Amino acid sequence: MREAWAAPPLDNDAGMNIPPSVIDLRGLREHETAYLEAVATHLKDLKPRWSV
């Protein structure tokens, strides 16, 4: 983290991505999927205020 703060700022979007060689985020896929499904279900069940 210290090295990242000392490095010059990035000037493109591609530089914002952390490559798998630095950190492997595959272990989070199951949790990401569960979260997205829960949000989709929640939003599907909501009705707009103007529809009442």
PDB file of N, CA and C in Angstrom:
ATOM      1  N   MET A   1       0.835  -1.187   0.000  1.00  0.00           N
ATOM      2  CA  MET A   1       0.000   0.000   0.000  1.00  0.00           C
ATOM      3  C   MET A   1       0.881   1.253   0.000  1.00  0.00           C
ATOM      4  N   ARG A   2       1.933   1.206   0.760  1.00  0.00           N
ATOM      5  CA  ARG A   2       2.827   2.361   0.836  1.00  0.00           C
ATOM      6  C   ARG A   2       3.392   2.697  -0.539  1.00  0.00           C
ATOM      7  N   GLU A   3       3.764   1.667  -1.294  1.00  0.00           N
ATOM      8  CA  GLU A   3       4.303   1.890  -2.638  1.00  0.00           C
ATOM      9  C   GLU A   3       3.254   2.512  -3.559  1.00  0.00           C
ATOM     10  N   ALA A   4       2.003   2.101  -3.405  1.00  0.00           N
ATOM     11  CA  ALA A   4       0.934   2.648  -4.241  1.00  0.00           C
ATOM     12  C   ALA A   4       0.754   4.139  -3.982  1.00  0.00           C
ATOM     13  N   TRP A   5       0.856   4.559  -2.730  1.00  0.00           N
ATOM     14  CA  TRP A   5       0.707   5.980  -2.408  1.00  0.00           C
ATOM     15  C   TRP A   5       1.882   6.799  -2.935  1.00  0.00           C
ATOM     16  N   ALA A   6       3.037   6.183  -2.997  1.00  0.00           N
ATOM     17  CA  ALA A   6       4.226   6.895  -3.460  1.00  0.00           C
ATOM     18  C   ALA A   6       4.309   6.965  -4.987  1.00  0.00           C
ATOM     19  N   ALA A   7       3.599   6.086  -5.658  1.00  0.00           N
ATOM     20  CA  ALA A   7       3.631   6.049  -7.128  1.00  0.00           C
ATOM     21  C   ALA A   7       2.883   7.248  -7.713  1.00  0.00           C
ATOM     22  N   PRO A   8       3.235   7.659  -8.918  1.00  0.00           N
ATOM     23  CA  PRO A   8       2.503   8.757  -9.558  1.00  0.00           C
ATOM     24  C   PRO A   8       1.062   8.336  -9.863  1.00  0.00           C
ATOM     25  N   PRO A   9       0.141   9.304  -9.959  1.00  0.00           N
ATOM     26  CA  PRO A   9      -1.261   8.961 -10.222  1.00  0.00           C
ATOM     27  C   PRO A   9      -1.437   8.327 -11.601  1.00  0.00           C
ATOM     28  N   LEU A  10      -2.435   7.472 -11.693  1.00  0.00           N
ATOM     29  CA  LEU A  10      -2.743   6.820 -12.966  1.00  0.00           C
ATOM     30  C   LEU A  10      -3.483   7.800 -13.874  1.00  0.00           C
ATOM     31  N   ASP A  11      -3.310   7.614 -15.172  1.00  0.00           N
ATOM     32  CA  ASP A  11      -3.981   8.508 -16.112  1.00  0.00           C
ATOM     33  C   ASP A  11      -4.879   7.758 -17.089  1.00  0.00           C
ATOM     34  N   ASN A  12      -5.188   6.483 -16.777  1.00  0.00           N
ATOM     35  CA  ASN A  12      -6.091   5.735 -17.653  1.00  0.00           C
ATOM     36  C   ASN A  12      -6.866   4.693 -16.847  1.00  0.00           C
ATOM     37  N   ASP A  13      -7.989   4.251 -17.384  1.00  0.00           N
ATOM     38  CA  ASP A  13      -8.835   3.285 -16.689  1.00  0.00           C
ATOM     39  C   ASP A  13      -8.176   1.917 -16.574  1.00  0.00           C
ATOM     40  N   ALA A  14      -7.425   1.512 -17.577  1.00  0.00           N
ATOM     41  CA  ALA A  14      -6.791   0.194 -17.544  1.00  0.00           C
ATOM     42  C   ALA A  14      -5.865   0.060 -16.344  1.00  0.00           C
ATOM     43  N   GLY A  15      -5.238   1.131 -15.945  1.00  0.00           N
ATOM     44  CA  GLY A  15      -4.335   1.093 -14.806  1.00  0.00           C
ATOM     45  C   GLY A  15      -5.044   0.919 -13.477  1.00  0.00           C
ATOM     46  N   MET A  16      -6.349   1.124 -13.458  1.00  0.00           N
ATOM     47  CA  MET A  16      -7.127   0.992 -12.224  1.00  0.00           C
ATOM     48  C   MET A  16      -7.417  -0.462 -11.877  1.00  0.00           C
ATOM     49  N   ASN A  17      -7.292  -1.363 -12.825  1.00  0.00           N
ATOM     50  CA  ASN A  17      -7.578  -2.776 -12.595  1.00  0.00           C
ATOM     51  C   ASN A  17      -6.382  -3.456 -11.934  1.00  0.00           C
ATOM     52  N   ILE A  18      -6.688  -4.269 -10.932  1.00  0.00           N
ATOM     53  CA  ILE A  18      -5.640  -5.013 -10.244  1.00  0.00           C
ATOM     54  C   ILE A  18      -5.515  -6.363 -10.937  1.00  0.00           C
ATOM     55  N   PRO A  19      -4.361  -6.681 -11.487  1.00  0.00           N
ATOM     56  CA  PRO A  19      -4.212  -7.948 -12.195  1.00  0.00           C
ATOM     57  C   PRO A  19      -4.242  -9.140 -11.233  1.00  0.00           C
ATOM     58  N   PRO A  20      -4.707 -10.299 -11.712  1.00  0.00           N
ATOM     59  CA  PRO A  20      -4.744 -11.497 -10.861  1.00  0.00           C
ATOM     60  C   PRO A  20      -3.372 -11.899 -10.334  1.00  0.00           C
ATOM     61  N   SER A  21      -2.301 -11.469 -10.989  1.00  0.00           N
ATOM     62  CA  SER A  21      -0.968 -11.804 -10.492  1.00  0.00           C
ATOM     63  C   SER A  21      -0.662 -11.065  -9.190  1.00  0.00           C
ATOM     64  N   VAL A  22      -1.381  -9.972  -8.914  1.00  0.00           N
ATOM     65  CA  VAL A  22      -1.167  -9.200  -7.687  1.00  0.00           C
ATOM     66  C   VAL A  22      -2.090  -9.702  -6.579  1.00  0.00           C
ATOM     67  N   ILE A  23      -3.362  -9.907  -6.903  1.00  0.00           N
ATOM     68  CA  ILE A  23      -4.339 -10.400  -5.926  1.00  0.00           C
ATOM     69  C   ILE A  23      -5.389 -11.213  -6.659  1.00  0.00           C
ATOM     70  N   ASP A  24      -5.713 -12.364  -6.124  1.00  0.00           N
ATOM     71  CA  ASP A  24      -6.692 -13.259  -6.739  1.00  0.00           C
ATOM     72  C   ASP A  24      -8.036 -13.074  -6.043  1.00  0.00           C
ATOM     73  N   LEU A  25      -8.988 -12.504  -6.745  1.00  0.00           N
ATOM     74  CA  LEU A  25     -10.294 -12.213  -6.168  1.00  0.00           C
ATOM     75  C   LEU A  25     -11.343 -13.276  -6.500  1.00  0.00           C
ATOM     76  N   ARG A  26     -10.927 -14.393  -7.097  1.00  0.00           N
ATOM     77  CA  ARG A  26     -11.893 -15.425  -7.486  1.00  0.00           C
ATOM     78  C   ARG A  26     -12.667 -15.977  -6.294  1.00  0.00           C
ATOM     79  N   GLY A  27     -12.085 -15.951  -5.124  1.00  0.00           N
ATOM     80  CA  GLY A  27     -12.762 -16.452  -3.934  1.00  0.00           C
ATOM     81  C   GLY A  27     -13.986 -15.627  -3.554  1.00  0.00           C
ATOM     82  N   LEU A  28     -14.087 -14.438  -4.093  1.00  0.00           N
ATOM     83  CA  LEU A  28     -15.226 -13.565  -3.792  1.00  0.00           C
ATOM     84  C   LEU A  28     -16.393 -13.759  -4.753  1.00  0.00           C
ATOM     85  N   ARG A  29     -16.197 -14.516  -5.822  1.00  0.00           N
ATOM     86  CA  ARG A  29     -17.226 -14.666  -6.859  1.00  0.00           C
ATOM     87  C   ARG A  29     -18.552 -15.163  -6.283  1.00  0.00           C
ATOM     88  N   GLU A  30     -18.505 -16.167  -5.415  1.00  0.00           N
ATOM     89  CA  GLU A  30     -19.728 -16.724  -4.824  1.00  0.00           C
ATOM     90  C   GLU A  30     -20.488 -15.647  -4.045  1.00  0.00           C
ATOM     91  N   HIS A  31     -19.769 -14.846  -3.299  1.00  0.00           N
ATOM     92  CA  HIS A  31     -20.402 -13.788  -2.497  1.00  0.00           C
ATOM     93  C   HIS A  31     -20.936 -12.674  -3.388  1.00  0.00           C
ATOM     94  N   GLU A  32     -20.207 -12.345  -4.430  1.00  0.00           N
ATOM     95  CA  GLU A  32     -20.665 -11.325  -5.372  1.00  0.00           C
ATOM     96  C   GLU A  32     -21.970 -11.757  -6.029  1.00  0.00           C
ATOM     97  N   THR A  33     -22.022 -13.002  -6.463  1.00  0.00           N
ATOM     98  CA  THR A  33     -23.230 -13.525  -7.111  1.00  0.00           C
ATOM     99  C   THR A  33     -24.413 -13.507  -6.154  1.00  0.00           C
ATOM    100  N   ALA A  34     -24.201 -13.955  -4.928  1.00  0.00           N
ATOM    101  CA  ALA A  34     -25.276 -13.961  -3.934  1.00  0.00           C
ATOM    102  C   ALA A  34     -25.780 -12.544  -3.662  1.00  0.00           C
ATOM    103  N   TYR A  35     -24.865 -11.600  -3.552  1.00  0.00           N
ATOM    104  CA  TYR A  35     -25.249 -10.199  -3.307  1.00  0.00           C
ATOM    105  C   TYR A  35     -26.067  -9.646  -4.464  1.00  0.00           C
ATOM    106  N   LEU A  36     -25.588  -9.863  -5.681  1.00  0.00           N
ATOM    107  CA  LEU A  36     -26.304  -9.334  -6.844  1.00  0.00           C
ATOM    108  C   LEU A  36     -27.691  -9.963  -6.982  1.00  0.00           C
ATOM    109  N   GLU A  37     -27.809 -11.244  -6.683  1.00  0.00           N
ATOM    110  CA  GLU A  37     -29.118 -11.903  -6.738  1.00  0.00           C
ATOM    111  C   GLU A  37     -30.052 -11.341  -5.666  1.00  0.00           C
ATOM    112  N   ALA A  38     -29.537 -11.098  -4.468  1.00  0.00           N
ATOM    113  CA  ALA A  38     -30.357 -10.550  -3.387  1.00  0.00           C
ATOM    114  C   ALA A  38     -30.829  -9.141  -3.717  1.00  0.00           C
ATOM    115  N   VAL A  39     -29.959  -8.328  -4.281  1.00  0.00           N
ATOM    116  CA  VAL A  39     -30.348  -6.968  -4.667  1.00  0.00           C
ATOM    117  C   VAL A  39     -31.398  -7.018  -5.768  1.00  0.00           C
ATOM    118  N   ALA A  40     -31.205  -7.868  -6.757  1.00  0.00           N
ATOM    119  CA  ALA A  40     -32.177  -7.984  -7.854  1.00  0.00           C
ATOM    120  C   ALA A  40     -33.543  -8.416  -7.327  1.00  0.00           C
ATOM    121  N   THR A  41     -33.563  -9.360  -6.405  1.00  0.00           N
ATOM    122  CA  THR A  41     -34.828  -9.813  -5.809  1.00  0.00           C
ATOM    123  C   THR A  41     -35.481  -8.690  -5.026  1.00  0.00           C
ATOM    124  N   HIS A  42     -34.704  -7.983  -4.259  1.00  0.00           N
ATOM    125  CA  HIS A  42     -35.240  -6.871  -3.469  1.00  0.00           C
ATOM    126  C   HIS A  42     -35.834  -5.791  -4.376  1.00  0.00           C
ATOM    127  N   LEU A  43     -35.116  -5.417  -5.402  1.00  0.00           N
ATOM    128  CA  LEU A  43     -35.602  -4.364  -6.292  1.00  0.00           C
ATOM    129  C   LEU A  43     -36.823  -4.812  -7.078  1.00  0.00           C
ATOM    130  N   LYS A  44     -36.879  -6.080  -7.417  1.00  0.00           N
ATOM    131  CA  LYS A  44     -38.032  -6.606  -8.159  1.00  0.00           C
ATOM    132  C   LYS A  44     -39.293  -6.496  -7.313  1.00  0.00           C
ATOM    133  N   ASP A  45     -39.151  -6.706  -5.999  1.00  0.00           N
ATOM    134  CA  ASP A  45     -40.303  -6.683  -5.100  1.00  0.00           C
ATOM    135  C   ASP A  45     -40.762  -5.275  -4.745  1.00  0.00           C
ATOM    136  N   LEU A  46     -39.945  -4.287  -5.000  1.00  0.00           N
ATOM    137  CA  LEU A  46     -40.337  -2.906  -4.692  1.00  0.00           C
ATOM    138  C   LEU A  46     -41.296  -2.378  -5.742  1.00  0.00           C
ATOM    139  N   LYS A  47     -42.194  -1.566  -5.296  1.00  0.00           N
ATOM    140  CA  LYS A  47     -43.101  -0.889  -6.230  1.00  0.00           C
ATOM    141  C   LYS A  47     -42.790   0.601  -6.166  1.00  0.00           C
ATOM    142  N   PRO A  48     -42.831   1.260  -7.283  1.00  0.00           N
ATOM    143  CA  PRO A  48     -42.605   2.707  -7.250  1.00  0.00           C
ATOM    144  C   PRO A  48     -43.670   3.384  -6.393  1.00  0.00           C
ATOM    145  N   ARG A  49     -43.313   4.447  -5.753  1.00  0.00           N
ATOM    146  CA  ARG A  49     -44.255   5.173  -4.896  1.00  0.00           C
ATOM    147  C   ARG A  49     -45.482   5.663  -5.662  1.00  0.00           C
ATOM    148  N   TRP A  50     -45.315   5.969  -6.921  1.00  0.00           N
ATOM    149  CA  TRP A  50     -46.422   6.508  -7.702  1.00  0.00           C
ATOM    150  C   TRP A  50     -47.384   5.417  -8.180  1.00  0.00           C
ATOM    151  N   SER A  51     -47.080   4.143  -7.934  1.00  0.00           N
ATOM    152  CA  SER A  51     -47.968   3.087  -8.403  1.00  0.00           C
ATOM    153  C   SER A  51     -49.016   2.708  -7.380  1.00  0.00           C
ATOM    154  N   VAL A  52     -48.969   3.320  -6.190  1.00  0.00           N
ATOM    155  CA  VAL A  52     -49.930   2.979  -5.128  1.00  0.00           C
ATOM    156  C   VAL A  52     -51.224   3.692  -5.335  1.00  0.00           C
TER     157      VAL A  52
END
